PDB file of N, CA and C in Angstrom:
ATOM      1  N   UNK A   1     -66.019 -33.183  35.840  1.00  0.00           N
ATOM      2  CA  UNK A   1     -67.429 -33.195  36.164  1.00  0.00           C
ATOM      3  C   UNK A   1     -67.625 -32.896  37.633  1.00  0.00           C
ATOM      4  N   UNK A   2     -68.786 -32.426  37.937  1.00  0.00           N
ATOM      5  CA  UNK A   2     -69.144 -32.103  39.307  1.00  0.00           C
ATOM      6  C   UNK A   2     -70.246 -33.035  39.779  1.00  0.00           C
ATOM      7  N   UNK A   3     -70.116 -33.496  41.003  1.00  0.00           N
ATOM      8  CA  UNK A   3     -71.172 -34.308  41.605  1.00  0.00           C
ATOM      9  C   UNK A   3     -72.157 -33.372  42.287  1.00  0.00           C
ATOM     10  N   UNK A   4     -73.426 -33.714  42.186  1.00  0.00           N
ATOM     11  CA  UNK A   4     -74.473 -32.873  42.758  1.00  0.00           C
ATOM     12  C   UNK A   4     -75.521 -33.778  43.385  1.00  0.00           C
ATOM     13  N   UNK A   5     -75.875 -33.474  44.611  1.00  0.00           N
ATOM     14  CA  UNK A   5     -76.933 -34.221  45.278  1.00  0.00           C
ATOM     15  C   UNK A   5     -78.235 -33.461  45.091  1.00  0.00           C
ATOM     16  N   UNK A   6     -79.228 -34.151  44.573  1.00  0.00           N
ATOM     17  CA  UNK A   6     -80.533 -33.541  44.343  1.00  0.00           C
ATOM     18  C   UNK A   6     -81.583 -34.386  45.047  1.00  0.00           C
ATOM     19  N   UNK A   7     -82.430 -33.740  45.810  1.00  0.00           N
ATOM     20  CA  UNK A   7     -83.508 -34.448  46.486  1.00  0.00           C
ATOM     21  C   UNK A   7     -84.767 -34.339  45.621  1.00  0.00           C
ATOM     22  N   UNK A   8     -85.311 -35.502  45.293  1.00  0.00           N
ATOM     23  CA  UNK A   8     -86.504 -35.548  44.460  1.00  0.00           C
ATOM     24  C   UNK A   8     -87.584 -36.348  45.176  1.00  0.00           C
ATOM     25  N   UNK A   9     -88.831 -36.000  44.941  1.00  0.00           N
ATOM     26  CA  UNK A   9     -89.896 -36.857  45.447  1.00  0.00           C
ATOM     27  C   UNK A   9     -89.749 -38.249  44.814  1.00  0.00           C
ATOM     28  N   UNK A  10     -90.116 -39.276  45.548  1.00  0.00           N
ATOM     29  CA  UNK A  10     -89.990 -40.645  45.046  1.00  0.00           C
ATOM     30  C   UNK A  10     -90.694 -40.834  43.705  1.00  0.00           C
ATOM     31  N   UNK A  11     -91.862 -40.217  43.551  1.00  0.00           N
ATOM     32  CA  UNK A  11     -92.624 -40.377  42.308  1.00  0.00           C
ATOM     33  C   UNK A  11     -91.872 -39.785  41.116  1.00  0.00           C
ATOM     34  N   UNK A  12     -91.224 -38.652  41.322  1.00  0.00           N
ATOM     35  CA  UNK A  12     -90.450 -38.023  40.246  1.00  0.00           C
ATOM     36  C   UNK A  12     -89.242 -38.885  39.907  1.00  0.00           C
ATOM     37  N   UNK A  13     -88.552 -39.370  40.935  1.00  0.00           N
ATOM     38  CA  UNK A  13     -87.383 -40.217  40.714  1.00  0.00           C
ATOM     39  C   UNK A  13     -87.781 -41.481  39.946  1.00  0.00           C
ATOM     40  N   UNK A  14     -88.883 -42.090  40.324  1.00  0.00           N
ATOM     41  CA  UNK A  14     -89.341 -43.303  39.644  1.00  0.00           C
ATOM     42  C   UNK A  14     -89.645 -43.023  38.179  1.00  0.00           C
ATOM     43  N   UNK A  15     -90.316 -41.917  37.901  1.00  0.00           N
ATOM     44  CA  UNK A  15     -90.663 -41.587  36.517  1.00  0.00           C
ATOM     45  C   UNK A  15     -89.400 -41.305  35.703  1.00  0.00           C
ATOM     46  N   UNK A  16     -88.424 -40.626  36.296  1.00  0.00           N
ATOM     47  CA  UNK A  16     -87.157 -40.374  35.613  1.00  0.00           C
ATOM     48  C   UNK A  16     -86.473 -41.699  35.287  1.00  0.00           C
ATOM     49  N   UNK A  17     -86.472 -42.613  36.234  1.00  0.00           N
ATOM     50  CA  UNK A  17     -85.860 -43.929  35.997  1.00  0.00           C
ATOM     51  C   UNK A  17     -86.548 -44.638  34.831  1.00  0.00           C
ATOM     52  N   UNK A  18     -87.877 -44.581  34.790  1.00  0.00           N
ATOM     53  CA  UNK A  18     -88.626 -45.220  33.711  1.00  0.00           C
ATOM     54  C   UNK A  18     -88.306 -44.582  32.356  1.00  0.00           C
ATOM     55  N   UNK A  19     -88.293 -43.263  32.318  1.00  0.00           N
ATOM     56  CA  UNK A  19     -88.031 -42.568  31.063  1.00  0.00           C
ATOM     57  C   UNK A  19     -86.593 -42.773  30.593  1.00  0.00           C
ATOM     58  N   UNK A  20     -85.655 -42.762  31.517  1.00  0.00           N
ATOM     59  CA  UNK A  20     -84.257 -43.008  31.168  1.00  0.00           C
ATOM     60  C   UNK A  20     -84.094 -44.415  30.605  1.00  0.00           C
ATOM     61  N   UNK A  21     -84.742 -45.372  31.240  1.00  0.00           N
ATOM     62  CA  UNK A  21     -84.665 -46.756  30.766  1.00  0.00           C
ATOM     63  C   UNK A  21     -85.268 -46.883  29.372  1.00  0.00           C
ATOM     64  N   UNK A  22     -86.381 -46.201  29.156  1.00  0.00           N
ATOM     65  CA  UNK A  22     -87.032 -46.231  27.841  1.00  0.00           C
ATOM     66  C   UNK A  22     -86.115 -45.691  26.751  1.00  0.00           C
ATOM     67  N   UNK A  23     -85.309 -44.661  27.099  1.00  0.00           N
ATOM     68  CA  UNK A  23     -84.373 -44.070  26.140  1.00  0.00           C
ATOM     69  C   UNK A  23     -83.007 -44.752  26.154  1.00  0.00           C
ATOM     70  N   UNK A  24     -82.881 -45.791  26.956  1.00  0.00           N
ATOM     71  CA  UNK A  24     -81.633 -46.555  27.072  1.00  0.00           C
ATOM     72  C   UNK A  24     -80.455 -45.672  27.489  1.00  0.00           C
ATOM     73  N   UNK A  25     -80.718 -44.796  28.460  1.00  0.00           N
ATOM     74  CA  UNK A  25     -79.667 -43.949  29.017  1.00  0.00           C
ATOM     75  C   UNK A  25     -79.721 -44.039  30.534  1.00  0.00           C
ATOM     76  N   UNK A  26     -78.666 -43.554  31.173  1.00  0.00           N
ATOM     77  CA  UNK A  26     -78.649 -43.573  32.633  1.00  0.00           C
ATOM     78  C   UNK A  26     -79.492 -42.424  33.195  1.00  0.00           C
ATOM     79  N   UNK A  27     -79.846 -42.555  34.458  1.00  0.00           N
ATOM     80  CA  UNK A  27     -80.570 -41.481  35.142  1.00  0.00           C
ATOM     81  C   UNK A  27     -79.723 -40.208  35.125  1.00  0.00           C
ATOM     82  N   UNK A  28     -78.422 -40.359  35.340  1.00  0.00           N
ATOM     83  CA  UNK A  28     -77.534 -39.188  35.312  1.00  0.00           C
ATOM     84  C   UNK A  28     -77.577 -38.501  33.952  1.00  0.00           C
ATOM     85  N   UNK A  29     -77.521 -39.288  32.867  1.00  0.00           N
ATOM     86  CA  UNK A  29     -77.585 -38.710  31.529  1.00  0.00           C
ATOM     87  C   UNK A  29     -78.922 -38.017  31.298  1.00  0.00           C
ATOM     88  N   UNK A  30     -79.998 -38.629  31.771  1.00  0.00           N
ATOM     89  CA  UNK A  30     -81.326 -38.045  31.603  1.00  0.00           C
ATOM     90  C   UNK A  30     -81.407 -36.689  32.301  1.00  0.00           C
ATOM     91  N   UNK A  31     -80.953 -36.646  33.544  1.00  0.00           N
ATOM     92  CA  UNK A  31     -81.027 -35.399  34.311  1.00  0.00           C
ATOM     93  C   UNK A  31     -80.096 -34.343  33.728  1.00  0.00           C
ATOM     94  N   UNK A  32     -78.900 -34.740  33.296  1.00  0.00           N
ATOM     95  CA  UNK A  32     -77.972 -33.780  32.682  1.00  0.00           C
ATOM     96  C   UNK A  32     -78.573 -33.207  31.401  1.00  0.00           C
ATOM     97  N   UNK A  33     -79.208 -34.050  30.612  1.00  0.00           N
ATOM     98  CA  UNK A  33     -79.845 -33.598  29.379  1.00  0.00           C
ATOM     99  C   UNK A  33     -81.011 -32.659  29.677  1.00  0.00           C
ATOM    100  N   UNK A  34     -81.820 -33.011  30.666  1.00  0.00           N
ATOM    101  CA  UNK A  34     -82.957 -32.163  31.039  1.00  0.00           C
ATOM    102  C   UNK A  34     -82.481 -30.795  31.528  1.00  0.00           C
ATOM    103  N   UNK A  35     -81.413 -30.786  32.318  1.00  0.00           N
ATOM    104  CA  UNK A  35     -80.866 -29.522  32.820  1.00  0.00           C
ATOM    105  C   UNK A  35     -80.318 -28.686  31.661  1.00  0.00           C
ATOM    106  N   UNK A  36     -79.636 -29.332  30.712  1.00  0.00           N
ATOM    107  CA  UNK A  36     -79.091 -28.607  29.565  1.00  0.00           C
ATOM    108  C   UNK A  36     -80.208 -28.027  28.702  1.00  0.00           C
ATOM    109  N   UNK A  37     -81.296 -28.783  28.511  1.00  0.00           N
ATOM    110  CA  UNK A  37     -82.429 -28.277  27.737  1.00  0.00           C
ATOM    111  C   UNK A  37     -83.063 -27.068  28.412  1.00  0.00           C
ATOM    112  N   UNK A  38     -83.233 -27.132  29.716  1.00  0.00           N
ATOM    113  CA  UNK A  38     -83.814 -26.005  30.452  1.00  0.00           C
ATOM    114  C   UNK A  38     -82.902 -24.796  30.379  1.00  0.00           C
ATOM    115  N   UNK A  39     -81.604 -25.023  30.526  1.00  0.00           N
ATOM    116  CA  UNK A  39     -80.632 -23.936  30.440  1.00  0.00           C
ATOM    117  C   UNK A  39     -80.694 -23.270  29.062  1.00  0.00           C
ATOM    118  N   UNK A  40     -80.760 -24.065  28.001  1.00  0.00           N
ATOM    119  CA  UNK A  40     -80.840 -23.517  26.648  1.00  0.00           C
ATOM    120  C   UNK A  40     -82.114 -22.700  26.468  1.00  0.00           C
ATOM    121  N   UNK A  41     -83.209 -23.176  27.029  1.00  0.00           N
ATOM    122  CA  UNK A  41     -84.478 -22.468  26.932  1.00  0.00           C
ATOM    123  C   UNK A  41     -84.406 -21.103  27.617  1.00  0.00           C
ATOM    124  N   UNK A  42     -83.887 -21.088  28.821  1.00  0.00           N
ATOM    125  CA  UNK A  42     -83.776 -19.826  29.575  1.00  0.00           C
ATOM    126  C   UNK A  42     -82.827 -18.860  28.865  1.00  0.00           C
ATOM    127  N   UNK A  43     -81.700 -19.371  28.374  1.00  0.00           N
ATOM    128  CA  UNK A  43     -80.730 -18.514  27.690  1.00  0.00           C
ATOM    129  C   UNK A  43     -81.305 -17.965  26.382  1.00  0.00           C
ATOM    130  N   UNK A  44     -82.119 -18.758  25.688  1.00  0.00           N
ATOM    131  CA  UNK A  44     -82.756 -18.288  24.457  1.00  0.00           C
ATOM    132  C   UNK A  44     -83.736 -17.166  24.764  1.00  0.00           C
ATOM    133  N   UNK A  45     -84.544 -17.343  25.800  1.00  0.00           N
ATOM    134  CA  UNK A  45     -85.480 -16.282  26.188  1.00  0.00           C
ATOM    135  C   UNK A  45     -84.740 -15.007  26.586  1.00  0.00           C
ATOM    136  N   UNK A  46     -83.647 -15.155  27.325  1.00  0.00           N
ATOM    137  CA  UNK A  46     -82.850 -13.987  27.707  1.00  0.00           C
ATOM    138  C   UNK A  46     -82.324 -13.266  26.471  1.00  0.00           C
ATOM    139  N   UNK A  47     -81.831 -14.031  25.501  1.00  0.00           N
ATOM    140  CA  UNK A  47     -81.301 -13.448  24.271  1.00  0.00           C
ATOM    141  C   UNK A  47     -82.400 -12.717  23.502  1.00  0.00           C
ATOM    142  N   UNK A  48     -83.555 -13.362  23.355  1.00  0.00           N
ATOM    143  CA  UNK A  48     -84.651 -12.740  22.613  1.00  0.00           C
ATOM    144  C   UNK A  48     -85.147 -11.471  23.303  1.00  0.00           C
ATOM    145  N   UNK A  49     -85.229 -11.493  24.624  1.00  0.00           N
ATOM    146  CA  UNK A  49     -85.640 -10.283  25.351  1.00  0.00           C
ATOM    147  C   UNK A  49     -84.623  -9.171  25.163  1.00  0.00           C
ATOM    148  N   UNK A  50     -83.352  -9.525  25.195  1.00  0.00           N
ATOM    149  CA  UNK A  50     -82.281  -8.544  25.010  1.00  0.00           C
ATOM    150  C   UNK A  50     -82.355  -7.924  23.613  1.00  0.00           C
ATOM    151  N   UNK A  51     -82.550  -8.771  22.606  1.00  0.00           N
ATOM    152  CA  UNK A  51     -82.648  -8.263  21.233  1.00  0.00           C
ATOM    153  C   UNK A  51     -83.902  -7.413  21.058  1.00  0.00           C
ATOM    154  N   UNK A  52     -85.006  -7.836  21.645  1.00  0.00           N
ATOM    155  CA  UNK A  52     -86.252  -7.069  21.533  1.00  0.00           C
ATOM    156  C   UNK A  52     -86.111  -5.701  22.178  1.00  0.00           C
ATOM    157  N   UNK A  53     -85.358  -5.616  23.265  1.00  0.00           N
ATOM    158  CA  UNK A  53     -85.168  -4.342  23.962  1.00  0.00           C
ATOM    159  C   UNK A  53     -84.381  -3.345  23.105  1.00  0.00           C
ATOM    160  N   UNK A  54     -83.626  -3.844  22.146  1.00  0.00           N
ATOM    161  CA  UNK A  54     -82.833  -2.968  21.268  1.00  0.00           C
ATOM    162  C   UNK A  54     -83.674  -2.370  20.150  1.00  0.00           C
ATOM    163  N   UNK A  55     -84.859  -2.955  19.924  1.00  0.00           N
ATOM    164  CA  UNK A  55     -85.707  -2.495  18.835  1.00  0.00           C
ATOM    165  C   UNK A  55     -86.314  -1.128  19.123  1.00  0.00           C
ATOM    166  N   UNK A  56     -86.598  -0.403  18.041  1.00  0.00           N
ATOM    167  CA  UNK A  56     -87.226   0.918  18.167  1.00  0.00           C
ATOM    168  C   UNK A  56     -88.540   0.904  17.401  1.00  0.00           C
ATOM    169  N   UNK A  57     -89.551   1.437  18.001  1.00  0.00           N
ATOM    170  CA  UNK A  57     -90.873   1.497  17.361  1.00  0.00           C
ATOM    171  C   UNK A  57     -90.788   2.265  16.044  1.00  0.00           C
ATOM    172  N   UNK A  58     -89.990   3.314  16.014  1.00  0.00           N
ATOM    173  CA  UNK A  58     -89.878   4.121  14.793  1.00  0.00           C
ATOM    174  C   UNK A  58     -89.289   3.301  13.642  1.00  0.00           C
ATOM    175  N   UNK A  59     -88.327   2.434  13.927  1.00  0.00           N
ATOM    176  CA  UNK A  59     -87.768   1.573  12.881  1.00  0.00           C
ATOM    177  C   UNK A  59     -88.831   0.607  12.363  1.00  0.00           C
ATOM    178  N   UNK A  60     -89.592   0.023  13.287  1.00  0.00           N
ATOM    179  CA  UNK A  60     -90.662  -0.898  12.896  1.00  0.00           C
ATOM    180  C   UNK A  60     -91.665  -0.186  11.993  1.00  0.00           C
ATOM    181  N   UNK A  61     -92.091   0.996  12.386  1.00  0.00           N
ATOM    182  CA  UNK A  61     -93.079   1.736  11.602  1.00  0.00           C
ATOM    183  C   UNK A  61     -92.516   2.145  10.248  1.00  0.00           C
ATOM    184  N   UNK A  62     -91.219   2.474  10.190  1.00  0.00           N
ATOM    185  CA  UNK A  62     -90.573   2.829   8.917  1.00  0.00           C
ATOM    186  C   UNK A  62     -90.665   1.664   7.937  1.00  0.00           C
ATOM    187  N   UNK A  63     -90.292   0.460   8.381  1.00  0.00           N
ATOM    188  CA  UNK A  63     -90.324  -0.697   7.488  1.00  0.00           C
ATOM    189  C   UNK A  63     -91.747  -1.144   7.193  1.00  0.00           C
ATOM    190  N   UNK A  64     -92.621  -1.003   8.154  1.00  0.00           N
ATOM    191  CA  UNK A  64     -94.016  -1.353   7.925  1.00  0.00           C
ATOM    192  C   UNK A  64     -94.637  -0.439   6.871  1.00  0.00           C
ATOM    193  N   UNK A  65     -94.241   0.821   6.872  1.00  0.00           N
ATOM    194  CA  UNK A  65     -94.790   1.762   5.887  1.00  0.00           C
ATOM    195  C   UNK A  65     -94.334   1.438   4.471  1.00  0.00           C
ATOM    196  N   UNK A  66     -93.272   0.671   4.335  1.00  0.00           N
ATOM    197  CA  UNK A  66     -92.773   0.290   3.008  1.00  0.00           C
ATOM    198  C   UNK A  66     -93.559  -0.873   2.409  1.00  0.00           C
ATOM    199  N   UNK A  67     -94.399  -1.506   3.211  1.00  0.00           N
ATOM    200  CA  UNK A  67     -95.205  -2.629   2.714  1.00  0.00           C
ATOM    201  C   UNK A  67     -96.390  -2.055   1.954  1.00  0.00           C
ATOM    202  N   UNK A  68     -96.580  -2.482   0.712  1.00  0.00           N
ATOM    203  CA  UNK A  68     -97.694  -1.919  -0.072  1.00  0.00           C
ATOM    204  C   UNK A  68     -99.050  -2.289   0.529  1.00  0.00           C
ATOM    205  N   UNK A  69     -99.976  -1.341   0.438  1.00  0.00           N
ATOM    206  CA  UNK A  69    -101.324  -1.546   0.962  1.00  0.00           C
ATOM    207  C   UNK A  69    -102.182  -2.141  -0.152  1.00  0.00           C
ATOM    208  N   UNK A  70    -102.140  -3.467  -0.270  1.00  0.00           N
ATOM    209  CA  UNK A  70    -102.863  -4.164  -1.321  1.00  0.00           C
ATOM    210  C   UNK A  70    -103.859  -5.128  -0.692  1.00  0.00           C
ATOM    211  N   UNK A  71    -104.900  -5.455  -1.423  1.00  0.00           N
ATOM    212  CA  UNK A  71    -105.828  -6.451  -0.886  1.00  0.00           C
ATOM    213  C   UNK A  71    -105.132  -7.817  -0.786  1.00  0.00           C
ATOM    214  N   UNK A  72    -105.643  -8.649   0.094  1.00  0.00           N
ATOM    215  CA  UNK A  72    -105.069  -9.987   0.268  1.00  0.00           C
ATOM    216  C   UNK A  72    -105.209 -10.784  -1.015  1.00  0.00           C
ATOM    217  N   UNK A  73    -104.201 -11.587  -1.296  1.00  0.00           N
ATOM    218  CA  UNK A  73    -104.264 -12.454  -2.462  1.00  0.00           C
ATOM    219  C   UNK A  73    -105.267 -13.580  -2.191  1.00  0.00           C
ATOM    220  N   UNK A  74    -105.779 -14.158  -3.268  1.00  0.00           N
ATOM    221  CA  UNK A  74    -106.753 -15.231  -3.122  1.00  0.00           C
ATOM    222  C   UNK A  74    -106.144 -16.354  -2.273  1.00  0.00           C
ATOM    223  N   UNK A  75    -106.882 -16.769  -1.261  1.00  0.00           N
ATOM    224  CA  UNK A  75    -106.417 -17.804  -0.355  1.00  0.00           C
ATOM    225  C   UNK A  75    -105.836 -17.240   0.927  1.00  0.00           C
ATOM    226  N   UNK A  76    -105.499 -15.938   0.938  1.00  0.00           N
ATOM    227  CA  UNK A  76    -104.923 -15.306   2.125  1.00  0.00           C
ATOM    228  C   UNK A  76    -105.924 -14.429   2.867  1.00  0.00           C
ATOM    229  N   UNK A  77    -107.188 -14.460   2.451  1.00  0.00           N
ATOM    230  CA  UNK A  77    -108.194 -13.624   3.092  1.00  0.00           C
ATOM    231  C   UNK A  77    -108.443 -14.097   4.521  1.00  0.00           C
ATOM    232  N   UNK A  78    -108.960 -13.183   5.335  1.00  0.00           N
ATOM    233  CA  UNK A  78    -109.357 -13.558   6.714  1.00  0.00           C
ATOM    234  C   UNK A  78    -110.513 -14.531   6.638  1.00  0.00           C
ATOM    235  N   UNK A  79    -110.536 -15.451   7.552  1.00  0.00           N
ATOM    236  CA  UNK A  79    -111.635 -16.437   7.594  1.00  0.00           C
ATOM    237  C   UNK A  79    -112.763 -15.918   8.437  1.00  0.00           C
TER     238      UNK A  79
END
């Protein structure tokens, strides 16, 4: 493990302490979990952007054209 010094405003530190206590975990565990959640979020967005960049409009239109042009089924109409 790596030690890291982080400077936080007192109000943020106090709230983290309260939330960690509520979850019966240490402040270190709370911050490590929060950092991991943020990392997962950023990595997911990066992955989705990367996959979206591989898409081609022509492929989308090809598959969209295969969808039958039928009226909406009962219950699926626009409101």
